Amino acid sequence: HLFRWCLFSLKQRSILYRTLCLVLLSVITFSSFA
């Protein structure tokens, strides 16, 4: 769900905000599947 929300944000938000979303998504995804 977070991934889909971030994809939507990639289209709507600034480059900086999109970068932060990608970092957050990678951390959470790694923790979930560790």
All heavy atoms as atom14 arrays in JSON, in Angstrom:
{
  "sequence": "HLFRWCLFSLKQRSILYRTLCLVLLSVITFSSFA",
  "atom14_mask": [
    [1, 1, 1, 1, 1, 1, 1, 1, 1, 1, 0, 0, 0, 0],
    [1, 1, 1, 1, 1, 1, 1, 1, 0, 0, 0, 0, 0, 0],
    [1, 1, 1, 1, 1, 1, 1, 1, 1, 1, 1, 0, 0, 0],
    [1, 1, 1, 1, 1, 1, 1, 1, 1, 1, 1, 0, 0, 0],
    [1, 1, 1, 1, 1, 1, 1, 1, 1, 1, 1, 1, 1, 1],
    [1, 1, 1, 1, 1, 1, 0, 0, 0, 0, 0, 0, 0, 0],
    [1, 1, 1, 1, 1, 1, 1, 1, 0, 0, 0, 0, 0, 0],
    [1, 1, 1, 1, 1, 1, 1, 1, 1, 1, 1, 0, 0, 0],
    [1, 1, 1, 1, 1, 1, 0, 0, 0, 0, 0, 0, 0, 0],
    [1, 1, 1, 1, 1, 1, 1, 1, 0, 0, 0, 0, 0, 0],
    [1, 1, 1, 1, 1, 1, 1, 1, 1, 0, 0, 0, 0, 0],
    [1, 1, 1, 1, 1, 1, 1, 1, 1, 0, 0, 0, 0, 0],
    [1, 1, 1, 1, 1, 1, 1, 1, 1, 1, 1, 0, 0, 0],
    [1, 1, 1, 1, 1, 1, 0, 0, 0, 0, 0, 0, 0, 0],
    [1, 1, 1, 1, 1, 1, 1, 1, 0, 0, 0, 0, 0, 0],
    [1, 1, 1, 1, 1, 1, 1, 1, 0, 0, 0, 0, 0, 0],
    [1, 1, 1, 1, 1, 1, 1, 1, 1, 1, 1, 1, 0, 0],
    [1, 1, 1, 1, 1, 1, 1, 1, 1, 1, 1, 0, 0, 0],
    [1, 1, 1, 1, 1, 1, 1, 0, 0, 0, 0, 0, 0, 0],
    [1, 1, 1, 1, 1, 1, 1, 1, 0, 0, 0, 0, 0, 0],
    [1, 1, 1, 1, 1, 1, 0, 0, 0, 0, 0, 0, 0, 0],
    [1, 1, 1, 1, 1, 1, 1, 1, 0, 0, 0, 0, 0, 0],
    [1, 1, 1, 1, 1, 1, 1, 0, 0, 0, 0, 0, 0, 0],
    [1, 1, 1, 1, 1, 1, 1, 1, 0, 0, 0, 0, 0, 0],
    [1, 1, 1, 1, 1, 1, 1, 1, 0, 0, 0, 0, 0, 0],
    [1, 1, 1, 1, 1, 1, 0, 0, 0, 0, 0, 0, 0, 0],
    [1, 1, 1, 1, 1, 1, 1, 0, 0, 0, 0, 0, 0, 0],
    [1, 1, 1, 1, 1, 1, 1, 1, 0, 0, 0, 0, 0, 0],
    [1, 1, 1, 1, 1, 1, 1, 0, 0, 0, 0, 0, 0, 0],
    [1, 1, 1, 1, 1, 1, 1, 1, 1, 1, 1, 0, 0, 0],
    [1, 1, 1, 1, 1, 1, 0, 0, 0, 0, 0, 0, 0, 0],
    [1, 1, 1, 1, 1, 1, 0, 0, 0, 0, 0, 0, 0, 0],
    [1, 1, 1, 1, 1, 1, 1, 1, 1, 1, 1, 0, 0, 0],
    [1, 1, 1, 1, 1, 0, 0, 0, 0, 0, 0, 0, 0, 0]
  ],
  "atom14_positions": [
    [[0.84, -1.2, 0.0], [0.0, 0.0, 0.0], [0.87, 1.24, 0.0], [0.59, 2.23, -0.69], [-0.92, 0.0, 1.22], [-1.98, -1.08, 1.14], [-2.73, -1.46, 2.23], [-2.38, -1.87, 0.11], [-3.57, -2.42, 1.88], [-3.36, -2.68, 0.59], [0.0, 0.0, 0.0], [0.0, 0.0, 0.0], [0.0, 0.0, 0.0], [0.0, 0.0, 0.0]],
    [[1.94, 1.19, 0.82], [2.86, 2.32, 0.85], [3.52, 2.49, -0.52], [3.73, 3.6, -1.0], [3.92, 2.08, 1.94], [5.0, 3.16, 2.06], [4.38, 4.5, 2.45], [6.03, 2.74, 3.11], [0.0, 0.0, 0.0], [0.0, 0.0, 0.0], [0.0, 0.0, 0.0], [0.0, 0.0, 0.0], [0.0, 0.0, 0.0], [0.0, 0.0, 0.0]],
    [[3.85, 1.36, -1.16], [4.49, 1.42, -2.48], [3.61, 2.12, -3.5], [4.04, 2.99, -4.25], [4.84, -0.01, -2.93], [5.5, -0.08, -4.27], [6.82, 0.29, -4.44], [4.76, -0.49, -5.39], [7.42, 0.24, -5.68], [5.37, -0.55, -6.64], [6.69, -0.19, -6.79], [0.0, 0.0, 0.0], [0.0, 0.0, 0.0], [0.0, 0.0, 0.0]],
    [[2.29, 1.78, -3.49], [1.36, 2.4, -4.44], [1.17, 3.89, -4.14], [1.09, 4.72, -5.03], [0.01, 1.68, -4.38], [0.06, 0.28, -5.03], [-1.31, -0.28, -5.23], [-1.95, -0.47, -3.93], [-3.21, -0.9, -3.79], [-3.95, -1.18, -4.86], [-3.72, -1.06, -2.61], [0.0, 0.0, 0.0], [0.0, 0.0, 0.0], [0.0, 0.0, 0.0]],
    [[1.16, 4.18, -2.81], [1.02, 5.58, -2.43], [2.24, 6.39, -2.89], [2.13, 7.51, -3.37], [0.86, 5.69, -0.91], [0.7, 7.09, -0.42], [-0.42, 7.86, -0.41], [1.74, 7.9, 0.14], [-0.16, 9.08, 0.1], [1.18, 9.14, 0.46], [3.1, 7.69, 0.39], [1.9, 10.17, 1.03], [3.8, 8.72, 0.96], [3.22, 9.94, 1.27]],
    [[3.41, 5.8, -2.76], [4.63, 6.48, -3.17], [4.68, 6.66, -4.69], [5.19, 7.66, -5.2], [5.86, 5.71, -2.69], [6.16, 5.91, -0.92], [0.0, 0.0, 0.0], [0.0, 0.0, 0.0], [0.0, 0.0, 0.0], [0.0, 0.0, 0.0], [0.0, 0.0, 0.0], [0.0, 0.0, 0.0], [0.0, 0.0, 0.0], [0.0, 0.0, 0.0]],
    [[4.17, 5.67, -5.45], [4.13, 5.81, -6.92], [3.26, 6.99, -7.32], [3.6, 7.76, -8.23], [3.59, 4.52, -7.55], [4.55, 3.33, -7.58], [3.85, 2.11, -8.17], [5.81, 3.66, -8.35], [0.0, 0.0, 0.0], [0.0, 0.0, 0.0], [0.0, 0.0, 0.0], [0.0, 0.0, 0.0], [0.0, 0.0, 0.0], [0.0, 0.0, 0.0]],
    [[2.15, 7.14, -6.6], [1.29, 8.3, -6.87], [2.03, 9.59, -6.52], [1.98, 10.58, -7.24], [0.01, 8.17, -6.05], [-0.87, 9.4, -6.14], [-1.66, 9.64, -7.28], [-0.9, 10.32, -5.1], [-2.45, 10.77, -7.34], [-1.69, 11.44, -5.18], [-2.47, 11.66, -6.3], [0.0, 0.0, 0.0], [0.0, 0.0, 0.0], [0.0, 0.0, 0.0]],
    [[2.8, 9.52, -5.42], [3.53, 10.71, -4.99], [4.62, 11.07, -5.98], [4.97, 12.23, -6.15], [4.15, 10.49, -3.61], [3.13, 10.24, -2.67], [0.0, 0.0, 0.0], [0.0, 0.0, 0.0], [0.0, 0.0, 0.0], [0.0, 0.0, 0.0], [0.0, 0.0, 0.0], [0.0, 0.0, 0.0], [0.0, 0.0, 0.0], [0.0, 0.0, 0.0]],
    [[5.18, 10.05, -6.64], [6.24, 10.32, -7.61], [5.74, 11.22, -8.74], [6.48, 11.99, -9.35], [6.75, 9.0, -8.19], [7.61, 8.14, -7.25], [7.9, 6.79, -7.89], [8.9, 8.86, -6.91], [0.0, 0.0, 0.0], [0.0, 0.0, 0.0], [0.0, 0.0, 0.0], [0.0, 0.0, 0.0], [0.0, 0.0, 0.0], [0.0, 0.0, 0.0]],
    [[4.47, 11.11, -9.05], [3.91, 11.91, -10.14], [3.5, 13.31, -9.67], [3.39, 14.24, -10.46], [2.68, 11.2, -10.71], [3.01, 9.82, -11.28], [1.73, 9.13, -11.73], [2.03, 7.73, -12.27], [0.79, 7.04, -12.69], [0.0, 0.0, 0.0], [0.0, 0.0, 0.0], [0.0, 0.0, 0.0], [0.0, 0.0, 0.0], [0.0, 0.0, 0.0]],
    [[3.22, 13.4, -8.39], [2.63, 14.64, -7.9], [3.6, 15.51, -7.11], [3.38, 16.71, -6.98], [1.43, 14.31, -6.99], [0.38, 13.42, -7.66], [-0.32, 14.15, -8.79], [-0.47, 15.37, -8.75], [-0.72, 13.42, -9.84], [0.0, 0.0, 0.0], [0.0, 0.0, 0.0], [0.0, 0.0, 0.0], [0.0, 0.0, 0.0], [0.0, 0.0, 0.0]],
    [[4.64, 14.92, -6.56], [5.48, 15.67, -5.62], [6.78, 16.12, -6.26], [7.1, 15.76, -7.38], [5.81, 14.81, -4.39], [4.55, 14.22, -3.73], [3.7, 15.27, -3.08], [2.49, 14.7, -2.48], [1.6, 15.4, -1.8], [1.76, 16.7, -1.65], [0.53, 14.82, -1.3], [0.0, 0.0, 0.0], [0.0, 0.0, 0.0], [0.0, 0.0, 0.0]],
    [[7.54, 16.83, -5.48], [8.85, 17.33, -5.93], [9.86, 16.2, -5.95], [9.63, 15.12, -5.42], [9.32, 18.43, -4.99], [9.58, 17.88, -3.71], [0.0, 0.0, 0.0], [0.0, 0.0, 0.0], [0.0, 0.0, 0.0], [0.0, 0.0, 0.0], [0.0, 0.0, 0.0], [0.0, 0.0, 0.0], [0.0, 0.0, 0.0], [0.0, 0.0, 0.0]],
    [[10.99, 16.47, -6.57], [12.06, 15.45, -6.66], [12.55, 15.04, -5.28], [12.74, 13.85, -5.0], [13.22, 16.0, -7.51], [12.76, 16.22, -8.96], [14.4, 15.04, -7.48], [13.79, 16.87, -9.84], [0.0, 0.0, 0.0], [0.0, 0.0, 0.0], [0.0, 0.0, 0.0], [0.0, 0.0, 0.0], [0.0, 0.0, 0.0], [0.0, 0.0, 0.0]],
    [[12.72, 16.02, -4.4], [13.21, 15.72, -3.05], [12.23, 14.83, -2.31], [12.6, 13.86, -1.67], [13.44, 17.03, -2.28], [13.87, 16.88, -0.81], [15.19, 16.1, -0.72], [14.01, 18.24, -0.15], [0.0, 0.0, 0.0], [0.0, 0.0, 0.0], [0.0, 0.0, 0.0], [0.0, 0.0, 0.0], [0.0, 0.0, 0.0], [0.0, 0.0, 0.0]],
    [[10.98, 15.17, -2.39], [9.97, 14.41, -1.67], [9.89, 12.99, -2.23], [9.76, 12.01, -1.47], [8.61, 15.11, -1.8], [7.57, 14.57, -0.85], [7.54, 15.01, 0.47], [6.65, 13.62, -1.27], [6.59, 14.52, 1.35], [5.71, 13.13, -0.4], [5.67, 13.58, 0.93], [4.75, 13.09, 1.78], [0.0, 0.0, 0.0], [0.0, 0.0, 0.0]],
    [[10.02, 12.87, -3.57], [9.98, 11.54, -4.17], [11.19, 10.7, -3.74], [11.09, 9.5, -3.5], [9.95, 11.67, -5.69], [8.56, 12.06, -6.22], [8.55, 12.16, -7.72], [9.22, 13.38, -8.15], [9.41, 13.71, -9.44], [9.0, 12.89, -10.39], [10.0, 14.82, -9.76], [0.0, 0.0, 0.0], [0.0, 0.0, 0.0], [0.0, 0.0, 0.0]],
    [[12.33, 11.35, -3.61], [13.53, 10.63, -3.15], [13.36, 10.09, -1.74], [13.72, 8.95, -1.43], [14.75, 11.56, -3.2], [14.91, 12.05, -4.53], [16.01, 10.82, -2.77], [0.0, 0.0, 0.0], [0.0, 0.0, 0.0], [0.0, 0.0, 0.0], [0.0, 0.0, 0.0], [0.0, 0.0, 0.0], [0.0, 0.0, 0.0], [0.0, 0.0, 0.0]],
    [[12.79, 10.91, -0.85], [12.55, 10.47, 0.52], [11.59, 9.29, 0.57], [11.76, 8.35, 1.36], [11.99, 11.64, 1.35], [12.96, 12.77, 1.66], [12.24, 13.91, 2.37], [14.1, 12.26, 2.55], [0.0, 0.0, 0.0], [0.0, 0.0, 0.0], [0.0, 0.0, 0.0], [0.0, 0.0, 0.0], [0.0, 0.0, 0.0], [0.0, 0.0, 0.0]],
    [[10.58, 9.31, -0.28], [9.63, 8.19, -0.32], [10.31, 6.9, -0.73], [10.05, 5.83, -0.18], [8.5, 8.52, -1.31], [7.29, 9.67, -0.63], [0.0, 0.0, 0.0], [0.0, 0.0, 0.0], [0.0, 0.0, 0.0], [0.0, 0.0, 0.0], [0.0, 0.0, 0.0], [0.0, 0.0, 0.0], [0.0, 0.0, 0.0], [0.0, 0.0, 0.0]],
    [[11.19, 6.99, -1.72], [11.9, 5.79, -2.19], [12.79, 5.22, -1.11], [12.89, 4.0, -0.93], [12.71, 6.13, -3.44], [11.9, 6.37, -4.72], [12.79, 6.88, -5.83], [11.2, 5.07, -5.15], [0.0, 0.0, 0.0], [0.0, 0.0, 0.0], [0.0, 0.0, 0.0], [0.0, 0.0, 0.0], [0.0, 0.0, 0.0], [0.0, 0.0, 0.0]],
    [[13.49, 6.09, -0.37], [14.36, 5.64, 0.73], [13.54, 4.97, 1.8], [13.87, 3.88, 2.31], [15.16, 6.82, 1.31], [15.9, 6.37, 2.58], [16.15, 7.34, 0.27], [0.0, 0.0, 0.0], [0.0, 0.0, 0.0], [0.0, 0.0, 0.0], [0.0, 0.0, 0.0], [0.0, 0.0, 0.0], [0.0, 0.0, 0.0], [0.0, 0.0, 0.0]],
    [[12.42, 5.6, 2.19], [11.56, 5.04, 3.21], [11.0, 3.7, 2.77], [10.96, 2.73, 3.54], [10.41, 6.02, 3.51], [9.37, 5.55, 4.52], [10.01, 5.29, 5.88], [8.26, 6.59, 4.67], [0.0, 0.0, 0.0], [0.0, 0.0, 0.0], [0.0, 0.0, 0.0], [0.0, 0.0, 0.0], [0.0, 0.0, 0.0], [0.0, 0.0, 0.0]],
    [[10.6, 3.61, 1.53], [10.04, 2.37, 1.0], [11.08, 1.24, 1.02], [10.78, 0.12, 1.39], [9.53, 2.59, -0.43], [8.95, 1.35, -1.13], [7.74, 0.84, -0.35], [8.57, 1.68, -2.55], [0.0, 0.0, 0.0], [0.0, 0.0, 0.0], [0.0, 0.0, 0.0], [0.0, 0.0, 0.0], [0.0, 0.0, 0.0], [0.0, 0.0, 0.0]],
    [[12.32, 1.55, 0.67], [13.36, 0.51, 0.64], [13.68, 0.01, 2.03], [13.9, -1.18, 2.24], [14.63, 1.06, -0.03], [15.16, 2.13, 0.73], [0.0, 0.0, 0.0], [0.0, 0.0, 0.0], [0.0, 0.0, 0.0], [0.0, 0.0, 0.0], [0.0, 0.0, 0.0], [0.0, 0.0, 0.0], [0.0, 0.0, 0.0], [0.0, 0.0, 0.0]],
    [[13.69, 0.92, 3.04], [13.98, 0.52, 4.41], [12.89, -0.38, 4.95], [13.14, -1.45, 5.54], [14.15, 1.76, 5.31], [14.23, 1.34, 6.79], [15.41, 2.52, 4.92], [0.0, 0.0, 0.0], [0.0, 0.0, 0.0], [0.0, 0.0, 0.0], [0.0, 0.0, 0.0], [0.0, 0.0, 0.0], [0.0, 0.0, 0.0], [0.0, 0.0, 0.0]],
    [[11.63, 0.02, 4.75], [10.51, -0.76, 5.27], [10.41, -2.1, 4.58], [10.16, -3.14, 5.2], [9.2, 0.04, 5.15], [9.26, 1.27, 6.05], [8.0, -0.82, 5.5], [8.08, 2.19, 5.92], [0.0, 0.0, 0.0], [0.0, 0.0, 0.0], [0.0, 0.0, 0.0], [0.0, 0.0, 0.0], [0.0, 0.0, 0.0], [0.0, 0.0, 0.0]],
    [[10.63, -2.09, 3.27], [10.57, -3.34, 2.52], [11.64, -4.31, 2.97], [11.4, -5.5, 3.17], [10.71, -3.06, 1.01], [9.7, -2.16, 0.61], [10.58, -4.36, 0.22], [0.0, 0.0, 0.0], [0.0, 0.0, 0.0], [0.0, 0.0, 0.0], [0.0, 0.0, 0.0], [0.0, 0.0, 0.0], [0.0, 0.0, 0.0], [0.0, 0.0, 0.0]],
    [[12.85, -3.81, 3.21], [13.95, -4.67, 3.68], [13.64, -5.25, 5.05], [13.86, -6.43, 5.32], [15.25, -3.86, 3.73], [16.41, -4.64, 4.27], [17.08, -5.55, 3.46], [16.81, -4.49, 5.59], [18.15, -6.29, 3.97], [17.86, -5.23, 6.08], [18.53, -6.12, 5.27], [0.0, 0.0, 0.0], [0.0, 0.0, 0.0], [0.0, 0.0, 0.0]],
    [[13.09, -4.41, 5.95], [12.77, -4.87, 7.29], [11.68, -5.92, 7.26], [11.68, -6.88, 8.04], [12.33, -3.68, 8.16], [13.37, -2.73, 8.25], [0.0, 0.0, 0.0], [0.0, 0.0, 0.0], [0.0, 0.0, 0.0], [0.0, 0.0, 0.0], [0.0, 0.0, 0.0], [0.0, 0.0, 0.0], [0.0, 0.0, 0.0], [0.0, 0.0, 0.0]],
    [[10.7, -5.73, 6.33], [9.57, -6.65, 6.28], [9.99, -8.01, 5.76], [9.45, -9.04, 6.16], [8.47, -6.08, 5.38], [8.03, -4.83, 5.89], [0.0, 0.0, 0.0], [0.0, 0.0, 0.0], [0.0, 0.0, 0.0], [0.0, 0.0, 0.0], [0.0, 0.0, 0.0], [0.0, 0.0, 0.0], [0.0, 0.0, 0.0], [0.0, 0.0, 0.0]],
    [[10.96, -8.04, 4.87], [11.33, -9.3, 4.24], [12.68, -9.85, 4.73], [13.2, -10.79, 4.15], [11.36, -9.14, 2.72], [9.99, -8.85, 2.15], [9.64, -7.56, 1.82], [9.08, -9.88, 1.97], [8.39, -7.3, 1.3], [7.82, -9.61, 1.44], [7.46, -8.32, 1.1], [0.0, 0.0, 0.0], [0.0, 0.0, 0.0], [0.0, 0.0, 0.0]],
    [[13.28, -9.21, 5.76], [14.56, -9.69, 6.28], [14.39, -11.11, 6.8], [13.45, -11.42, 7.53], [15.05, -8.77, 7.4], [0.0, 0.0, 0.0], [0.0, 0.0, 0.0], [0.0, 0.0, 0.0], [0.0, 0.0, 0.0], [0.0, 0.0, 0.0], [0.0, 0.0, 0.0], [0.0, 0.0, 0.0], [0.0, 0.0, 0.0], [0.0, 0.0, 0.0]]
  ]
}
